[in-house]
PDB file of N, CA and C in Angstrom:
ATOM      1  N   MET A   1      -3.521   4.380   4.940  1.00  0.00           N
ATOM      2  CA  MET A   1      -4.256   3.136   4.666  1.00  0.00           C
ATOM      3  C   MET A   1      -5.162   2.799   5.888  1.00  0.00           C
ATOM      4  N   PRO A   2      -6.254   2.432   5.581  1.00  0.00           N
ATOM      5  CA  PRO A   2      -7.338   1.958   6.608  1.00  0.00           C
ATOM      6  C   PRO A   2      -6.920   0.825   7.196  1.00  0.00           C
ATOM      7  N   ASN A   3      -7.055   0.428   8.605  1.00  0.00           N
ATOM      8  CA  ASN A   3      -6.644  -0.721   9.225  1.00  0.00           C
ATOM      9  C   ASN A   3      -7.212  -2.036   8.729  1.00  0.00           C
ATOM     10  N   TYR A   4      -8.589  -1.991   8.168  1.00  0.00           N
ATOM     11  CA  TYR A   4      -9.163  -3.204   7.713  1.00  0.00           C
ATOM     12  C   TYR A   4      -8.470  -3.551   6.254  1.00  0.00           C
ATOM     13  N   GLN A   5      -7.713  -2.811   5.729  1.00  0.00           N
ATOM     14  CA  GLN A   5      -6.835  -3.235   4.630  1.00  0.00           C
ATOM     15  C   GLN A   5      -5.406  -3.500   4.798  1.00  0.00           C
ATOM     16  N   LEU A   6      -5.136  -3.678   6.179  1.00  0.00           N
ATOM     17  CA  LEU A   6      -3.720  -4.057   6.353  1.00  0.00           C
ATOM     18  C   LEU A   6      -3.559  -5.150   7.528  1.00  0.00           C
ATOM     19  N   ASP A   7      -2.713  -6.057   7.323  1.00  0.00           N
ATOM     20  CA  ASP A   7      -2.386  -7.047   8.100  1.00  0.00           C
ATOM     21  C   ASP A   7      -1.082  -7.052   8.611  1.00  0.00           C
ATOM     22  N   ILE A   8      -0.585  -6.927   9.842  1.00  0.00           N
ATOM     23  CA  ILE A   8       0.764  -6.899  10.320  1.00  0.00           C
ATOM     24  C   ILE A   8       1.092  -8.323  10.950  1.00  0.00           C
ATOM     25  N   PHE A   9       2.226  -8.841  10.583  1.00  0.00           N
ATOM     26  CA  PHE A   9       2.630 -10.042  11.118  1.00  0.00           C
ATOM     27  C   PHE A   9       4.104  -9.887  11.803  1.00  0.00           C
ATOM     28  N   GLU A  10       4.346 -10.288  12.985  1.00  0.00           N
ATOM     29  CA  GLU A  10       5.537 -10.064  13.607  1.00  0.00           C
ATOM     30  C   GLU A  10       6.251 -11.556  13.540  1.00  0.00           C
ATOM     31  N   GLU A  11       7.598 -11.504  12.919  1.00  0.00           N
ATOM     32  CA  GLU A  11       8.414 -12.793  12.782  1.00  0.00           C
ATOM     33  C   GLU A  11       9.792 -12.415  13.119  1.00  0.00           C
ATOM     34  N   ASP A  12      10.329 -13.208  14.016  1.00  0.00           N
ATOM     35  CA  ASP A  12      11.850 -12.942  14.303  1.00  0.00           C
ATOM     36  C   ASP A  12      12.276 -11.388  14.448  1.00  0.00           C
ATOM     37  N   ASN A  13      11.470 -10.736  15.426  1.00  0.00           N
ATOM     38  CA  ASN A  13      11.982  -9.372  15.693  1.00  0.00           C
ATOM     39  C   ASN A  13      11.765  -8.486  14.589  1.00  0.00           C
ATOM     40  N   HIS A  14      10.942  -8.772  13.640  1.00  0.00           N
ATOM     41  CA  HIS A  14      10.717  -7.703  12.490  1.00  0.00           C
ATOM     42  C   HIS A  14       9.102  -7.997  11.997  1.00  0.00           C
ATOM     43  N   LYS A  15       8.669  -6.900  11.490  1.00  0.00           N
ATOM     44  CA  LYS A  15       7.335  -6.970  10.956  1.00  0.00           C
ATOM     45  C   LYS A  15       7.204  -7.144   9.493  1.00  0.00           C
ATOM     46  N   LYS A  16       6.219  -7.839   9.080  1.00  0.00           N
ATOM     47  CA  LYS A  16       5.655  -8.132   7.709  1.00  0.00           C
ATOM     48  C   LYS A  16       4.303  -7.549   7.652  1.00  0.00           C
ATOM     49  N   TYR A  17       4.154  -6.952   6.542  1.00  0.00           N
ATOM     50  CA  TYR A  17       2.817  -6.365   6.198  1.00  0.00           C
ATOM     51  C   TYR A  17       2.106  -7.077   4.934  1.00  0.00           C
ATOM     52  N   LYS A  18       0.909  -7.061   5.005  1.00  0.00           N
ATOM     53  CA  LYS A  18       0.072  -7.580   3.895  1.00  0.00           C
ATOM     54  C   LYS A  18      -0.902  -6.659   3.742  1.00  0.00           C
ATOM     55  N   VAL A  19      -1.011  -6.066   2.470  1.00  0.00           N
ATOM     56  CA  VAL A  19      -1.943  -4.876   2.182  1.00  0.00           C
ATOM     57  C   VAL A  19      -2.796  -5.245   1.141  1.00  0.00           C
ATOM     58  N   TYR A  20      -4.069  -4.951   1.264  1.00  0.00           N
ATOM     59  CA  TYR A  20      -5.257  -5.213   0.403  1.00  0.00           C
ATOM     60  C   TYR A  20      -5.643  -3.863  -0.159  1.00  0.00           C
ATOM     61  N   ILE A  21      -5.265  -3.918  -1.508  1.00  0.00           N
ATOM     62  CA  ILE A  21      -5.583  -2.557  -2.297  1.00  0.00           C
ATOM     63  C   ILE A  21      -6.497  -2.833  -3.519  1.00  0.00           C
ATOM     64  N   ARG A  22      -7.501  -2.200  -3.697  1.00  0.00           N
ATOM     65  CA  ARG A  22      -8.344  -2.169  -4.793  1.00  0.00           C
ATOM     66  C   ARG A  22      -7.739  -1.214  -6.000  1.00  0.00           C
ATOM     67  N   GLU A  23      -7.679  -1.659  -7.097  1.00  0.00           N
ATOM     68  CA  GLU A  23      -7.210  -0.962  -8.242  1.00  0.00           C
ATOM     69  C   GLU A  23      -7.998   0.301  -8.528  1.00  0.00           C
ATOM     70  N   THR A  24      -9.081   0.172  -8.404  1.00  0.00           N
ATOM     71  CA  THR A  24     -10.129   1.246  -8.739  1.00  0.00           C
ATOM     72  C   THR A  24     -10.306   2.264  -7.634  1.00  0.00           C
ATOM     73  N   SER A  25      -9.932   2.060  -6.341  1.00  0.00           N
ATOM     74  CA  SER A  25     -10.193   2.960  -5.337  1.00  0.00           C
ATOM     75  C   SER A  25      -9.001   4.058  -5.285  1.00  0.00           C
ATOM     76  N   SER A  26      -9.438   5.217  -4.714  1.00  0.00           N
ATOM     77  CA  SER A  26      -8.377   6.381  -4.470  1.00  0.00           C
ATOM     78  C   SER A  26      -8.015   6.270  -3.016  1.00  0.00           C
ATOM     79  N   TYR A  27      -6.704   6.520  -2.938  1.00  0.00           N
ATOM     80  CA  TYR A  27      -6.024   6.521  -1.687  1.00  0.00           C
ATOM     81  C   TYR A  27      -5.299   8.032  -1.341  1.00  0.00           C
ATOM     82  N   PHE A  28      -5.372   8.489  -0.034  1.00  0.00           N
ATOM     83  CA  PHE A  28      -4.801   9.806   0.114  1.00  0.00           C
ATOM     84  C   PHE A  28      -3.404   9.564   0.634  1.00  0.00           C
ATOM     85  N   VAL A  29      -2.353  10.123   0.123  1.00  0.00           N
ATOM     86  CA  VAL A  29      -0.998   9.943   0.556  1.00  0.00           C
ATOM     87  C   VAL A  29      -0.637  11.212   1.340  1.00  0.00           C
ATOM     88  N   TYR A  30      -0.181  10.951   2.460  1.00  0.00           N
ATOM     89  CA  TYR A  30       0.073  12.141   3.477  1.00  0.00           C
ATOM     90  C   TYR A  30       1.663  12.071   3.744  1.00  0.00           C
ATOM     91  N   ASN A  31       2.212  13.351   3.593  1.00  0.00           N
ATOM     92  CA  ASN A  31       3.530  13.508   3.685  1.00  0.00           C
ATOM     93  C   ASN A  31       3.605  14.656   4.940  1.00  0.00           C
ATOM     94  N   LYS A  32       4.173  14.057   6.133  1.00  0.00           N
ATOM     95  CA  LYS A  32       4.095  15.071   7.216  1.00  0.00           C
ATOM     96  C   LYS A  32       5.308  16.213   7.173  1.00  0.00           C
ATOM     97  N   GLU A  33       6.287  16.027   6.393  1.00  0.00           N
ATOM     98  CA  GLU A  33       7.370  17.050   6.359  1.00  0.00           C
ATOM     99  C   GLU A  33       6.860  18.105   5.270  1.00  0.00           C
ATOM    100  N   ASN A  34       6.347  17.687   4.093  1.00  0.00           N
ATOM    101  CA  ASN A  34       5.875  18.773   3.081  1.00  0.00           C
ATOM    102  C   ASN A  34       4.523  18.577   2.646  1.00  0.00           C
ATOM    103  N   MET A  35       3.714  19.409   3.246  1.00  0.00           N
ATOM    104  CA  MET A  35       2.307  19.259   3.007  1.00  0.00           C
ATOM    105  C   MET A  35       1.838  19.561   1.541  1.00  0.00           C
ATOM    106  N   ASP A  36       2.826  20.156   0.656  1.00  0.00           N
ATOM    107  CA  ASP A  36       2.485  20.211  -0.695  1.00  0.00           C
ATOM    108  C   ASP A  36       2.504  19.005  -1.421  1.00  0.00           C
ATOM    109  N   ASN A  37       3.157  17.857  -0.898  1.00  0.00           N
ATOM    110  CA  ASN A  37       3.145  16.728  -1.444  1.00  0.00           C
ATOM    111  C   ASN A  37       2.039  15.709  -1.393  1.00  0.00           C
ATOM    112  N   ASN A  38       0.993  16.146  -0.529  1.00  0.00           N
ATOM    113  CA  ASN A  38      -0.110  15.487  -0.063  1.00  0.00           C
ATOM    114  C   ASN A  38      -1.060  15.380  -1.361  1.00  0.00           C
ATOM    115  N   CYS A  39      -1.395  14.113  -1.750  1.00  0.00           N
ATOM    116  CA  CYS A  39      -2.408  13.948  -2.815  1.00  0.00           C
ATOM    117  C   CYS A  39      -3.064  12.692  -2.866  1.00  0.00           C
ATOM    118  N   PHE A  40      -4.093  12.674  -3.798  1.00  0.00           N
ATOM    119  CA  PHE A  40      -4.872  11.330  -4.018  1.00  0.00           C
ATOM    120  C   PHE A  40      -4.226  10.551  -5.148  1.00  0.00           C
ATOM    121  N   ILE A  41      -4.144   9.332  -5.004  1.00  0.00           N
ATOM    122  CA  ILE A  41      -3.546   8.425  -6.024  1.00  0.00           C
ATOM    123  C   ILE A  41      -4.393   7.176  -6.241  1.00  0.00           C
ATOM    124  N   LYS A  42      -4.435   6.700  -7.326  1.00  0.00           N
ATOM    125  CA  LYS A  42      -5.355   5.544  -7.783  1.00  0.00           C
ATOM    126  C   LYS A  42      -4.643   4.273  -6.906  1.00  0.00           C
ATOM    127  N   GLY A  43      -5.468   3.331  -6.778  1.00  0.00           N
ATOM    128  CA  GLY A  43      -4.987   1.986  -6.359  1.00  0.00           C
ATOM    129  C   GLY A  43      -3.990   1.331  -7.220  1.00  0.00           C
ATOM    130  N   ARG A  44      -4.296   1.424  -8.532  1.00  0.00           N
ATOM    131  CA  ARG A  44      -3.384   0.749  -9.643  1.00  0.00           C
ATOM    132  C   ARG A  44      -1.883   1.432  -9.448  1.00  0.00           C
ATOM    133  N   THR A  45      -1.887   2.854  -9.319  1.00  0.00           N
ATOM    134  CA  THR A  45      -0.638   3.462  -9.111  1.00  0.00           C
ATOM    135  C   THR A  45       0.086   3.024  -7.900  1.00  0.00           C
ATOM    136  N   LEU A  46      -0.752   2.981  -6.768  1.00  0.00           N
ATOM    137  CA  LEU A  46      -0.112   2.563  -5.527  1.00  0.00           C
ATOM    138  C   LEU A  46       0.415   1.245  -5.631  1.00  0.00           C
ATOM    139  N   ILE A  47      -0.214   0.265  -6.231  1.00  0.00           N
ATOM    140  CA  ILE A  47       0.241  -1.056  -6.237  1.00  0.00           C
ATOM    141  C   ILE A  47       1.631  -1.045  -7.027  1.00  0.00           C
ATOM    142  N   ARG A  48       1.648  -0.328  -8.081  1.00  0.00           N
ATOM    143  CA  ARG A  48       2.834  -0.329  -8.978  1.00  0.00           C
ATOM    144  C   ARG A  48       4.064   0.208  -8.146  1.00  0.00           C
ATOM    145  N   GLN A  49       3.826   1.328  -7.366  1.00  0.00           N
ATOM    146  CA  GLN A  49       4.942   1.836  -6.639  1.00  0.00           C
ATOM    147  C   GLN A  49       5.250   1.123  -5.557  1.00  0.00           C
ATOM    148  N   LEU A  50       4.510   0.428  -4.827  1.00  0.00           N
ATOM    149  CA  LEU A  50       4.791  -0.449  -3.716  1.00  0.00           C
ATOM    150  C   LEU A  50       5.568  -1.689  -4.215  1.00  0.00           C
ATOM    151  N   SER A  51       5.080  -2.404  -5.302  1.00  0.00           N
ATOM    152  CA  SER A  51       5.819  -3.588  -5.839  1.00  0.00           C
ATOM    153  C   SER A  51       7.029  -3.227  -6.501  1.00  0.00           C
ATOM    154  N   ASN A  52       7.216  -1.951  -6.983  1.00  0.00           N
ATOM    155  CA  ASN A  52       8.708  -1.626  -7.487  1.00  0.00           C
ATOM    156  C   ASN A  52       9.598  -1.395  -6.243  1.00  0.00           C
ATOM    157  N   ASP A  53       9.084  -0.797  -5.224  1.00  0.00           N
ATOM    158  CA  ASP A  53      10.005  -0.689  -4.128  1.00  0.00           C
ATOM    159  C   ASP A  53      10.348  -2.042  -3.352  1.00  0.00           C
ATOM    160  N   SER A  54       9.403  -2.870  -3.174  1.00  0.00           N
ATOM    161  CA  SER A  54       9.688  -4.153  -2.481  1.00  0.00           C
ATOM    162  C   SER A  54      10.326  -5.294  -3.528  1.00  0.00           C
ATOM    163  N   GLN A  55      10.121  -5.219  -4.821  1.00  0.00           N
ATOM    164  CA  GLN A  55      10.656  -6.034  -5.763  1.00  0.00           C
ATOM    165  C   GLN A  55       9.968  -7.348  -5.686  1.00  0.00           C
ATOM    166  N   LYS A  56       8.530  -7.492  -5.288  1.00  0.00           N
ATOM    167  CA  LYS A  56       7.768  -8.591  -5.249  1.00  0.00           C
ATOM    168  C   LYS A  56       6.525  -8.319  -6.085  1.00  0.00           C
ATOM    169  N   LEU A  57       6.069  -9.362  -6.749  1.00  0.00           N
ATOM    170  CA  LEU A  57       4.942  -9.233  -7.459  1.00  0.00           C
ATOM    171  C   LEU A  57       3.755  -9.256  -6.644  1.00  0.00           C
ATOM    172  N   PRO A  58       2.699  -8.406  -7.001  1.00  0.00           N
ATOM    173  CA  PRO A  58       1.504  -8.495  -6.173  1.00  0.00           C
ATOM    174  C   PRO A  58       0.536  -9.676  -6.352  1.00  0.00           C
ATOM    175  N   TYR A  59      -0.013 -10.126  -5.306  1.00  0.00           N
ATOM    176  CA  TYR A  59      -0.917 -11.276  -5.626  1.00  0.00           C
ATOM    177  C   TYR A  59      -2.271 -10.853  -5.945  1.00  0.00           C
ATOM    178  N   ARG A  60      -2.835 -11.421  -7.022  1.00  0.00           N
ATOM    179  CA  ARG A  60      -4.154 -11.075  -7.425  1.00  0.00           C
ATOM    180  C   ARG A  60      -5.282 -12.121  -6.917  1.00  0.00           C
ATOM    181  N   ARG A  61      -6.300 -11.474  -6.421  1.00  0.00           N
ATOM    182  CA  ARG A  61      -7.371 -12.381  -5.963  1.00  0.00           C
ATOM    183  C   ARG A  61      -8.056 -12.846  -7.185  1.00  0.00           C
ATOM    184  N   PRO A  62      -8.336 -14.228  -7.169  1.00  0.00           N
ATOM    185  CA  PRO A  62      -9.192 -14.893  -8.345  1.00  0.00           C
ATOM    186  C   PRO A  62     -10.466 -14.126  -8.451  1.00  0.00           C
ATOM    187  N   THR A  63     -10.995 -13.857  -9.669  1.00  0.00           N
ATOM    188  CA  THR A  63     -12.305 -13.255  -9.891  1.00  0.00           C
ATOM    189  C   THR A  63     -13.126 -14.191 -10.245  1.00  0.00           C
TER     190      THR A  63
END
């Protein structure tokens, strides 16, 4: 994830992240342990996976 698409907030000895992802962009997923799992995924898929893990709905920017 490029740094310009990531905001890190520190509160009460833990970190919170705010990530800015475009649905139409492609992102490279890197796995250190198993290089065969490296792949490109679309922003829409990445948003779905992250929101499923965190159990929070993503915020959509008004168009």
